[in-house]
N, C-alpha and C. Protein backbone atom coordinates (compact mmCIF):
# COMPACT_ATOMS: atom_id res chain seq x y z
N MET A 1 -261.13 -55.74 62.72
CA MET A 1 -261.10 -54.47 62.26
C MET A 1 -261.44 -54.38 60.95
N ALA A 2 -262.71 -53.61 60.75
CA ALA A 2 -262.97 -53.79 59.16
C ALA A 2 -262.30 -52.66 58.45
N THR A 3 -262.49 -53.06 57.33
CA THR A 3 -262.09 -52.34 55.97
C THR A 3 -262.75 -51.79 55.34
N LEU A 4 -262.79 -50.67 54.97
CA LEU A 4 -263.59 -49.88 53.52
C LEU A 4 -262.89 -49.77 52.81
N SER A 5 -262.98 -50.54 51.50
CA SER A 5 -261.99 -50.56 50.28
C SER A 5 -262.93 -50.19 49.38
N VAL A 6 -262.09 -49.41 48.34
CA VAL A 6 -262.57 -48.81 47.19
C VAL A 6 -261.60 -49.50 45.65
N TRP A 7 -262.27 -50.39 44.82
CA TRP A 7 -261.68 -50.87 43.90
C TRP A 7 -262.33 -50.05 42.75
N LYS A 8 -261.00 -49.73 42.13
CA LYS A 8 -261.53 -48.78 40.85
C LYS A 8 -261.12 -49.36 39.92
N PHE A 9 -261.96 -49.47 38.79
CA PHE A 9 -261.49 -49.72 37.15
C PHE A 9 -261.54 -48.94 36.38
N GLU A 10 -260.97 -49.49 35.09
CA GLU A 10 -260.63 -48.48 34.13
C GLU A 10 -261.64 -48.18 33.24
N ASP A 11 -262.55 -49.27 33.37
CA ASP A 11 -264.07 -49.27 32.23
C ASP A 11 -265.15 -49.15 33.30
N GLU A 12 -266.48 -48.81 32.63
CA GLU A 12 -267.54 -48.61 33.74
C GLU A 12 -268.27 -49.89 33.90
N THR A 13 -267.55 -51.33 33.09
CA THR A 13 -268.11 -52.65 33.76
C THR A 13 -267.21 -53.25 34.46
N GLY A 14 -266.48 -53.04 35.01
CA GLY A 14 -264.98 -53.55 35.76
C GLY A 14 -265.54 -54.08 36.91
N ALA A 15 -266.47 -53.36 37.75
CA ALA A 15 -266.83 -53.79 39.24
C ALA A 15 -268.05 -54.46 39.05
N GLU A 16 -268.78 -54.37 37.90
CA GLU A 16 -269.68 -55.67 37.87
C GLU A 16 -269.28 -56.74 37.86
N GLN A 17 -267.95 -56.93 37.01
CA GLN A 17 -267.42 -58.30 36.39
C GLN A 17 -266.76 -58.54 37.65
N ALA A 18 -266.27 -57.75 38.80
CA ALA A 18 -265.36 -58.30 40.19
C ALA A 18 -266.44 -58.69 41.08
N GLU A 19 -267.65 -58.80 41.05
CA GLU A 19 -268.72 -58.95 42.09
C GLU A 19 -268.67 -60.23 41.83
N ARG A 20 -268.23 -61.05 40.75
CA ARG A 20 -268.73 -62.39 40.77
C ARG A 20 -267.07 -63.04 41.62
N VAL A 21 -266.19 -62.31 41.13
CA VAL A 21 -264.83 -62.66 41.88
C VAL A 21 -265.15 -62.51 43.15
N LEU A 22 -265.51 -61.67 43.52
CA LEU A 22 -265.63 -61.44 45.25
C LEU A 22 -266.74 -62.32 45.69
N LEU A 23 -267.74 -63.13 45.01
CA LEU A 23 -268.38 -63.78 45.65
C LEU A 23 -267.59 -65.08 45.61
N ASP A 24 -266.68 -65.72 44.79
CA ASP A 24 -265.98 -66.71 44.87
C ASP A 24 -265.32 -66.69 45.97
N LEU A 25 -264.58 -65.80 46.19
CA LEU A 25 -263.41 -65.16 47.51
C LEU A 25 -264.04 -65.72 48.50
N GLN A 26 -265.22 -65.01 48.87
CA GLN A 26 -266.07 -65.07 49.98
C GLN A 26 -266.54 -66.44 50.28
N THR A 27 -267.11 -67.40 48.75
CA THR A 27 -267.48 -68.77 49.48
C THR A 27 -266.22 -69.25 49.64
N LYS A 28 -264.96 -69.54 49.18
CA LYS A 28 -263.55 -69.82 49.60
C LYS A 28 -263.34 -69.37 51.13
N GLY A 29 -263.90 -68.78 51.68
CA GLY A 29 -263.66 -67.98 53.10
C GLY A 29 -262.26 -67.01 53.19
N LEU A 30 -261.91 -66.49 52.16
CA LEU A 30 -260.67 -65.60 51.81
C LEU A 30 -261.07 -64.48 52.26
N ILE A 31 -262.38 -63.80 52.69
CA ILE A 31 -262.77 -62.72 52.82
C ILE A 31 -264.43 -62.82 53.18
N GLN A 32 -264.77 -61.58 54.20
CA GLN A 32 -265.81 -61.85 54.87
C GLN A 32 -266.68 -60.26 54.35
N ILE A 33 -267.50 -60.09 53.48
CA ILE A 33 -268.00 -58.86 53.04
C ILE A 33 -269.13 -58.66 53.92
N HIS A 34 -269.38 -57.64 54.35
CA HIS A 34 -270.45 -57.38 55.42
C HIS A 34 -271.46 -56.51 54.67
N ASP A 35 -271.01 -55.20 53.41
CA ASP A 35 -271.89 -54.98 52.47
C ASP A 35 -270.88 -54.05 51.45
N ALA A 36 -271.53 -54.08 50.26
CA ALA A 36 -270.60 -53.96 48.86
C ALA A 36 -271.84 -53.17 48.16
N ALA A 37 -271.37 -52.05 47.41
CA ALA A 37 -271.69 -51.42 46.25
C ALA A 37 -270.99 -50.94 45.15
N VAL A 38 -271.51 -50.99 44.06
CA VAL A 38 -271.13 -50.64 42.87
C VAL A 38 -271.20 -49.34 42.11
N VAL A 39 -270.34 -48.77 41.83
CA VAL A 39 -270.35 -47.49 41.17
C VAL A 39 -269.91 -47.57 39.70
N SER A 40 -270.94 -47.24 38.71
CA SER A 40 -270.95 -47.45 37.56
C SER A 40 -270.89 -46.18 36.65
N TRP A 41 -269.93 -45.49 36.00
CA TRP A 41 -269.78 -43.90 35.37
C TRP A 41 -269.76 -43.93 34.13
N PRO A 42 -270.95 -44.17 33.28
CA PRO A 42 -271.03 -44.12 31.54
C PRO A 42 -270.10 -43.09 31.28
N ALA A 43 -269.26 -43.24 30.50
CA ALA A 43 -268.36 -41.94 29.72
C ALA A 43 -269.56 -41.11 29.26
N GLY A 44 -269.35 -39.72 29.09
CA GLY A 44 -270.19 -38.72 28.68
C GLY A 44 -271.43 -38.17 30.00
N LYS A 45 -271.38 -39.08 30.78
CA LYS A 45 -272.63 -38.77 31.60
C LYS A 45 -272.39 -37.73 32.64
N LYS A 46 -273.13 -37.16 33.22
CA LYS A 46 -272.84 -35.97 34.14
C LYS A 46 -272.71 -36.55 35.94
N LYS A 47 -273.43 -37.60 36.07
CA LYS A 47 -273.28 -38.63 37.51
C LYS A 47 -273.16 -40.17 37.03
N PRO A 48 -272.88 -40.79 38.08
CA PRO A 48 -272.41 -42.21 38.13
C PRO A 48 -274.15 -42.64 38.71
N LYS A 49 -273.97 -44.09 37.98
CA LYS A 49 -275.24 -45.18 38.44
C LYS A 49 -274.59 -45.65 39.76
N THR A 50 -275.51 -46.09 40.77
CA THR A 50 -274.80 -46.70 41.73
C THR A 50 -275.73 -47.73 42.58
N ARG A 51 -275.40 -48.75 42.99
CA ARG A 51 -276.16 -49.79 43.42
C ARG A 51 -275.69 -50.77 44.50
N GLN A 52 -276.35 -50.98 45.56
CA GLN A 52 -276.13 -51.87 46.53
C GLN A 52 -275.82 -53.39 46.35
N LEU A 53 -275.36 -54.17 46.81
CA LEU A 53 -275.10 -55.84 46.39
C LEU A 53 -275.77 -56.28 47.56
N ASN A 54 -277.05 -56.53 47.60
CA ASN A 54 -277.44 -57.32 48.32
C ASN A 54 -277.03 -58.53 48.58
N ASN A 55 -276.99 -59.07 47.56
CA ASN A 55 -276.27 -60.62 47.37
C ASN A 55 -275.13 -60.87 48.07
N LEU A 56 -274.02 -59.84 48.06
CA LEU A 56 -272.82 -59.55 49.04
C LEU A 56 -272.95 -59.40 50.72
N ALA A 57 -273.84 -58.93 50.72
CA ALA A 57 -274.10 -57.97 52.23
C ALA A 57 -274.29 -59.61 53.07
N GLY A 58 -273.71 -59.13 54.16
CA GLY A 58 -273.98 -60.15 55.01
C GLY A 58 -274.39 -59.43 56.18
N ALA A 59 -274.07 -60.03 57.66
CA ALA A 59 -275.10 -59.89 58.75
C ALA A 59 -274.19 -58.75 59.26
N GLY A 60 -275.06 -57.70 59.56
CA GLY A 60 -274.32 -56.22 59.72
C GLY A 60 -274.23 -55.30 58.92
N ALA A 61 -275.08 -55.68 57.83
CA ALA A 61 -274.80 -54.85 56.65
C ALA A 61 -275.03 -53.16 57.14
N LEU A 62 -274.72 -52.12 56.39
CA LEU A 62 -274.89 -51.07 56.89
C LEU A 62 -276.19 -50.49 56.01
N GLY A 63 -276.61 -50.75 55.04
CA GLY A 63 -277.70 -50.70 54.21
C GLY A 63 -277.73 -49.57 53.26
N GLY A 64 -278.90 -49.23 52.86
CA GLY A 64 -278.56 -48.02 51.60
C GLY A 64 -278.56 -46.61 52.21
N THR A 65 -278.84 -46.44 53.68
CA THR A 65 -278.49 -45.15 53.97
C THR A 65 -277.23 -44.62 54.05
N PHE A 66 -276.29 -45.51 54.47
CA PHE A 66 -274.97 -45.37 54.40
C PHE A 66 -274.29 -45.09 53.16
N TRP A 67 -274.73 -46.07 52.09
CA TRP A 67 -274.13 -45.81 50.81
C TRP A 67 -274.54 -44.54 50.15
N GLY A 68 -275.99 -44.49 50.53
CA GLY A 68 -276.80 -42.85 49.93
C GLY A 68 -276.20 -41.97 49.93
N PHE A 69 -275.65 -41.89 51.55
CA PHE A 69 -274.88 -41.10 51.87
C PHE A 69 -273.46 -40.51 51.45
N LEU A 70 -272.93 -41.57 51.31
CA LEU A 70 -271.36 -41.86 50.83
C LEU A 70 -271.00 -41.11 49.79
N PHE A 71 -272.22 -41.97 48.68
CA PHE A 71 -272.24 -41.61 47.36
C PHE A 71 -272.76 -40.41 46.82
N GLY A 72 -273.94 -39.82 47.92
CA GLY A 72 -274.02 -38.14 47.75
C GLY A 72 -272.93 -37.40 47.94
N LEU A 73 -272.34 -37.80 48.87
CA LEU A 73 -270.90 -36.83 49.38
C LEU A 73 -269.73 -36.97 48.33
N LEU A 74 -269.74 -38.12 47.60
CA LEU A 74 -268.62 -38.14 46.53
C LEU A 74 -269.00 -37.94 45.38
N PHE A 75 -270.16 -37.79 44.92
CA PHE A 75 -270.52 -37.78 43.62
C PHE A 75 -271.69 -36.47 43.25
N PHE A 76 -272.72 -36.28 44.26
CA PHE A 76 -273.33 -35.78 43.87
C PHE A 76 -273.44 -34.41 44.88
N ILE A 77 -273.11 -33.95 45.70
CA ILE A 77 -273.28 -32.78 46.76
C ILE A 77 -272.20 -31.77 45.81
N PRO A 78 -271.11 -31.98 45.21
CA PRO A 78 -270.24 -30.87 44.51
C PRO A 78 -271.24 -30.45 43.57
N LEU A 79 -272.07 -30.98 43.05
CA LEU A 79 -273.28 -30.78 41.53
C LEU A 79 -274.06 -29.78 42.19
N LEU A 80 -274.30 -30.00 43.83
CA LEU A 80 -275.61 -29.14 44.32
C LEU A 80 -275.34 -27.52 44.36
N GLY A 81 -273.99 -27.49 44.55
CA GLY A 81 -274.04 -25.97 44.91
C GLY A 81 -273.15 -25.76 46.42
N ALA A 82 -273.06 -24.62 46.67
CA ALA A 82 -272.03 -24.56 48.05
C ALA A 82 -273.18 -24.60 48.95
N ALA A 83 -274.47 -23.70 49.21
CA ALA A 83 -275.31 -23.94 50.10
C ALA A 83 -275.56 -25.18 50.76
N VAL A 84 -276.25 -26.39 49.90
CA VAL A 84 -276.20 -27.75 50.03
C VAL A 84 -274.85 -28.37 50.78
N GLY A 85 -273.87 -27.93 50.02
CA GLY A 85 -272.43 -28.57 50.54
C GLY A 85 -272.33 -28.25 52.14
N ALA A 86 -272.35 -26.78 52.08
CA ALA A 86 -271.89 -26.42 53.86
C ALA A 86 -272.94 -27.10 54.80
N ALA A 87 -274.37 -27.48 54.16
CA ALA A 87 -275.28 -28.03 54.98
C ALA A 87 -274.72 -29.46 55.58
N VAL A 88 -274.02 -30.13 54.03
CA VAL A 88 -273.78 -31.32 54.39
C VAL A 88 -272.32 -31.53 55.38
N GLY A 89 -271.48 -30.20 54.89
CA GLY A 89 -270.28 -30.50 55.99
C GLY A 89 -270.10 -31.21 57.07
N GLY A 90 -271.08 -30.59 58.04
CA GLY A 90 -271.03 -30.98 59.53
C GLY A 90 -271.27 -32.24 59.65
N LEU A 91 -272.11 -32.87 58.74
CA LEU A 91 -272.37 -34.74 58.71
C LEU A 91 -270.85 -35.33 58.01
N ALA A 92 -270.26 -34.52 57.31
CA ALA A 92 -269.26 -35.25 56.67
C ALA A 92 -267.96 -35.37 57.30
N GLY A 93 -268.22 -34.00 58.51
CA GLY A 93 -267.21 -34.06 59.15
C GLY A 93 -267.19 -35.41 60.59
N SER A 94 -268.53 -36.12 60.73
CA SER A 94 -268.55 -37.28 61.57
C SER A 94 -267.95 -38.39 60.58
N LEU A 95 -268.01 -38.53 59.62
CA LEU A 95 -267.59 -39.68 58.83
C LEU A 95 -265.48 -39.55 59.13
N ALA A 96 -265.34 -38.29 59.00
CA ALA A 96 -263.85 -38.14 59.11
C ALA A 96 -263.97 -39.05 60.71
N ASP A 97 -264.59 -38.82 61.72
CA ASP A 97 -264.34 -39.77 63.16
C ASP A 97 -264.44 -41.20 63.03
N VAL A 98 -264.96 -41.71 61.47
CA VAL A 98 -264.81 -43.01 61.67
C VAL A 98 -264.09 -43.68 60.62
N GLY A 99 -262.94 -43.06 60.00
CA GLY A 99 -261.70 -43.04 59.26
C GLY A 99 -262.04 -42.91 57.65
N ILE A 100 -263.10 -41.90 57.58
CA ILE A 100 -263.54 -41.81 56.04
C ILE A 100 -263.17 -40.04 56.26
N ASP A 101 -261.79 -39.80 55.92
CA ASP A 101 -261.42 -38.65 56.40
C ASP A 101 -261.76 -37.94 54.69
N ASP A 102 -261.19 -36.62 54.89
CA ASP A 102 -261.19 -35.92 53.43
C ASP A 102 -260.32 -36.31 52.48
N SER A 103 -259.55 -36.84 52.79
CA SER A 103 -258.16 -37.30 51.92
C SER A 103 -258.48 -38.55 51.16
N PHE A 104 -259.52 -39.50 52.02
CA PHE A 104 -259.92 -40.16 51.22
C PHE A 104 -261.08 -40.48 50.31
N ILE A 105 -262.20 -38.97 50.52
CA ILE A 105 -263.28 -38.59 49.93
C ILE A 105 -262.08 -37.72 48.68
N LYS A 106 -261.53 -37.22 48.73
CA LYS A 106 -260.40 -36.41 47.73
C LYS A 106 -260.13 -37.55 46.88
N ARG A 107 -259.52 -38.76 47.27
CA ARG A 107 -258.77 -39.80 46.75
C ARG A 107 -259.78 -40.39 45.74
N VAL A 108 -260.92 -40.62 45.98
CA VAL A 108 -261.97 -41.36 45.49
C VAL A 108 -262.58 -40.47 44.44
N ARG A 109 -262.73 -39.25 44.48
CA ARG A 109 -263.69 -38.30 43.86
C ARG A 109 -262.61 -38.08 42.72
N GLU A 110 -261.21 -38.06 42.54
CA GLU A 110 -260.12 -37.87 41.90
C GLU A 110 -259.77 -39.19 40.76
N LYS A 111 -260.09 -40.18 41.34
CA LYS A 111 -260.22 -41.47 40.68
C LYS A 111 -261.15 -41.94 40.18
N VAL A 112 -262.54 -41.85 40.64
CA VAL A 112 -263.76 -42.47 39.94
C VAL A 112 -264.50 -41.40 39.22
N THR A 113 -264.22 -41.48 37.96
CA THR A 113 -264.60 -40.30 37.08
C THR A 113 -265.42 -40.85 35.98
N PRO A 114 -265.89 -40.32 34.95
CA PRO A 114 -266.63 -40.74 33.95
C PRO A 114 -265.73 -41.84 33.21
N GLY A 115 -266.35 -42.65 32.72
CA GLY A 115 -265.78 -44.16 31.88
C GLY A 115 -265.54 -45.02 32.85
N THR A 116 -265.13 -44.79 34.43
CA THR A 116 -264.78 -45.80 34.79
C THR A 116 -266.00 -46.48 36.04
N SER A 117 -265.50 -47.56 37.08
CA SER A 117 -266.58 -47.73 37.72
C SER A 117 -265.38 -48.05 38.93
N ALA A 118 -266.43 -48.61 40.18
CA ALA A 118 -265.53 -48.49 41.43
C ALA A 118 -266.34 -50.14 42.11
N LEU A 119 -266.00 -50.60 43.17
CA LEU A 119 -266.42 -51.64 43.70
C LEU A 119 -266.27 -50.96 45.08
N PHE A 120 -267.29 -50.82 45.93
CA PHE A 120 -267.24 -50.41 47.66
C PHE A 120 -267.46 -51.60 48.76
N LEU A 121 -266.54 -51.95 49.66
CA LEU A 121 -266.61 -52.86 50.23
C LEU A 121 -266.54 -52.75 51.33
N LEU A 122 -267.24 -53.13 52.45
CA LEU A 122 -267.07 -53.18 53.79
C LEU A 122 -266.86 -54.69 54.59
N THR A 123 -265.39 -54.94 54.80
CA THR A 123 -265.18 -56.34 54.83
C THR A 123 -263.94 -56.63 56.06
N THR A 124 -264.43 -57.54 56.61
CA THR A 124 -263.17 -58.08 57.74
C THR A 124 -262.23 -59.42 57.07
N GLU A 125 -261.76 -59.88 57.82
CA GLU A 125 -260.75 -61.24 57.62
C GLU A 125 -260.52 -61.60 56.23
N ALA A 126 -260.09 -60.16 55.58
CA ALA A 126 -259.54 -60.62 54.23
C ALA A 126 -257.93 -61.06 54.02
N VAL A 127 -257.70 -62.27 53.25
CA VAL A 127 -256.69 -62.48 53.18
C VAL A 127 -256.14 -61.77 52.11
N MET A 128 -255.58 -60.55 52.06
CA MET A 128 -255.34 -59.75 51.13
C MET A 128 -254.26 -60.08 49.72
N ASP A 129 -253.15 -61.11 50.37
CA ASP A 129 -252.55 -61.42 48.79
C ASP A 129 -253.88 -62.28 47.94
N ARG A 130 -254.20 -63.21 48.84
CA ARG A 130 -254.88 -64.15 47.76
C ARG A 130 -256.38 -63.50 47.24
N VAL A 131 -256.98 -62.19 47.83
CA VAL A 131 -258.02 -61.48 47.33
C VAL A 131 -257.38 -60.81 46.20
N LYS A 132 -256.17 -59.92 46.05
CA LYS A 132 -255.53 -59.27 45.13
C LYS A 132 -255.42 -60.17 44.01
N GLU A 133 -255.10 -61.24 43.92
CA GLU A 133 -254.66 -62.00 43.24
C GLU A 133 -255.66 -62.45 41.72
N PRO A 134 -256.56 -62.38 42.07
CA PRO A 134 -257.78 -62.69 40.79
C PRO A 134 -257.85 -61.36 39.78
N PHE A 135 -257.44 -59.95 40.76
CA PHE A 135 -257.50 -58.72 40.12
C PHE A 135 -256.44 -58.22 39.26
N ALA A 136 -255.07 -59.15 39.05
CA ALA A 136 -253.92 -59.26 38.81
C ALA A 136 -254.23 -58.98 37.12
N GLY A 137 -253.34 -57.39 36.65
CA GLY A 137 -253.45 -57.90 35.40
C GLY A 137 -254.77 -56.90 34.65
N THR A 138 -255.76 -56.72 35.84
CA THR A 138 -257.14 -56.22 35.26
C THR A 138 -256.98 -54.32 35.13
N LYS A 139 -256.04 -53.81 35.77
CA LYS A 139 -255.97 -52.63 35.77
C LYS A 139 -256.97 -52.16 36.68
N ALA A 140 -257.09 -52.97 38.05
CA ALA A 140 -257.77 -52.62 38.83
C ALA A 140 -256.83 -51.65 39.85
N GLU A 141 -257.35 -50.72 40.53
CA GLU A 141 -256.72 -50.09 41.49
C GLU A 141 -257.27 -50.15 42.62
N LEU A 142 -256.52 -50.38 43.87
CA LEU A 142 -257.18 -50.68 45.53
C LEU A 142 -256.96 -49.29 45.90
N LEU A 143 -257.86 -48.68 46.68
CA LEU A 143 -257.95 -47.42 47.53
C LEU A 143 -258.59 -47.99 48.85
N GLU A 144 -258.12 -47.70 50.05
CA GLU A 144 -258.46 -48.59 51.16
C GLU A 144 -258.18 -47.77 51.97
N THR A 145 -259.58 -47.88 53.65
CA THR A 145 -259.10 -47.06 54.50
C THR A 145 -259.39 -48.31 55.79
N ASN A 146 -258.64 -48.27 56.73
CA ASN A 146 -258.62 -48.84 57.77
C ASN A 146 -259.55 -48.57 58.84
N LEU A 147 -260.74 -48.99 59.52
CA LEU A 147 -261.44 -48.54 60.35
C LEU A 147 -261.30 -49.14 61.55
N SER A 148 -260.97 -48.43 63.16
CA SER A 148 -260.89 -48.96 64.38
C SER A 148 -262.40 -49.93 64.47
N ARG A 149 -262.08 -50.75 65.40
CA ARG A 149 -263.11 -51.33 66.07
C ARG A 149 -264.53 -50.28 66.42
N GLU A 150 -263.70 -49.31 66.85
CA GLU A 150 -264.35 -48.13 67.86
C GLU A 150 -264.94 -47.17 66.41
N ALA A 151 -264.60 -46.87 65.53
CA ALA A 151 -265.09 -46.13 64.20
C ALA A 151 -265.64 -47.24 63.55
N GLU A 152 -265.70 -48.77 63.46
CA GLU A 152 -266.69 -49.36 62.55
C GLU A 152 -268.30 -49.51 63.70
N GLU A 153 -267.94 -49.63 64.80
CA GLU A 153 -268.89 -49.40 65.71
C GLU A 153 -269.90 -48.11 65.52
N ALA A 154 -268.96 -47.17 65.09
CA ALA A 154 -269.51 -46.04 65.44
C ALA A 154 -270.55 -45.79 64.04
N LEU A 155 -269.58 -46.19 62.89
CA LEU A 155 -270.49 -46.30 61.51
C LEU A 155 -271.68 -47.44 61.73
N ARG A 156 -271.45 -48.25 62.34
CA ARG A 156 -272.94 -49.00 62.28
C ARG A 156 -273.94 -48.51 63.42
N ASN A 157 -273.39 -47.88 64.18
CA ASN A 157 -274.35 -47.36 65.09
C ASN A 157 -275.10 -45.80 64.08
N ALA A 158 -274.55 -45.63 63.45
CA ALA A 158 -275.06 -43.78 62.70
C ALA A 158 -275.86 -44.37 61.52
N PHE A 159 -275.54 -45.75 60.89
CA PHE A 159 -275.99 -45.92 59.38
C PHE A 159 -276.96 -47.14 59.25
N SER A 160 -276.76 -48.15 60.65
CA SER A 160 -277.38 -49.35 60.41
C SER A 160 -279.15 -49.36 60.31
N PRO A 161 -279.78 -50.20 59.47
CA PRO A 161 -281.35 -50.05 59.59
C PRO A 161 -281.65 -50.45 60.91
N GLU A 162 -282.72 -49.22 61.14
CA GLU A 162 -283.41 -49.75 62.76
C GLU A 162 -284.34 -51.09 62.52
């Protein structure tokens, strides 16, 4: 079963620093990263900077389309107004079918704010106790949602590059 996790950091560079830690954990076989992206939101800015982490992405990566859609839904659609938001509503509903529901979206919106950063991961085979150890004392907060095999497959079918 895949896990879509979000690690939120109290500063705008924490997620970038965590990237190195995750590369090490992946090398040690403690986590298998299928796809990853970073959000960095400088204080005082209206919207965050986003970047897919191709060096962490493995076989079966979802690609930029998924991350673009998710980040648009999380950070940019609310800024575009009700008309655009309503048009995207139906698409967002399909994410709920794959385990990315309104409560997950709301939690991430509330936590990832100006002056913070976040690391988004699609993983399997994580030894969570060992993965959490390097983040102890960093004020990183783990938000996560588990995806069933069916939900993972539906997500891949909807967003995998052709």
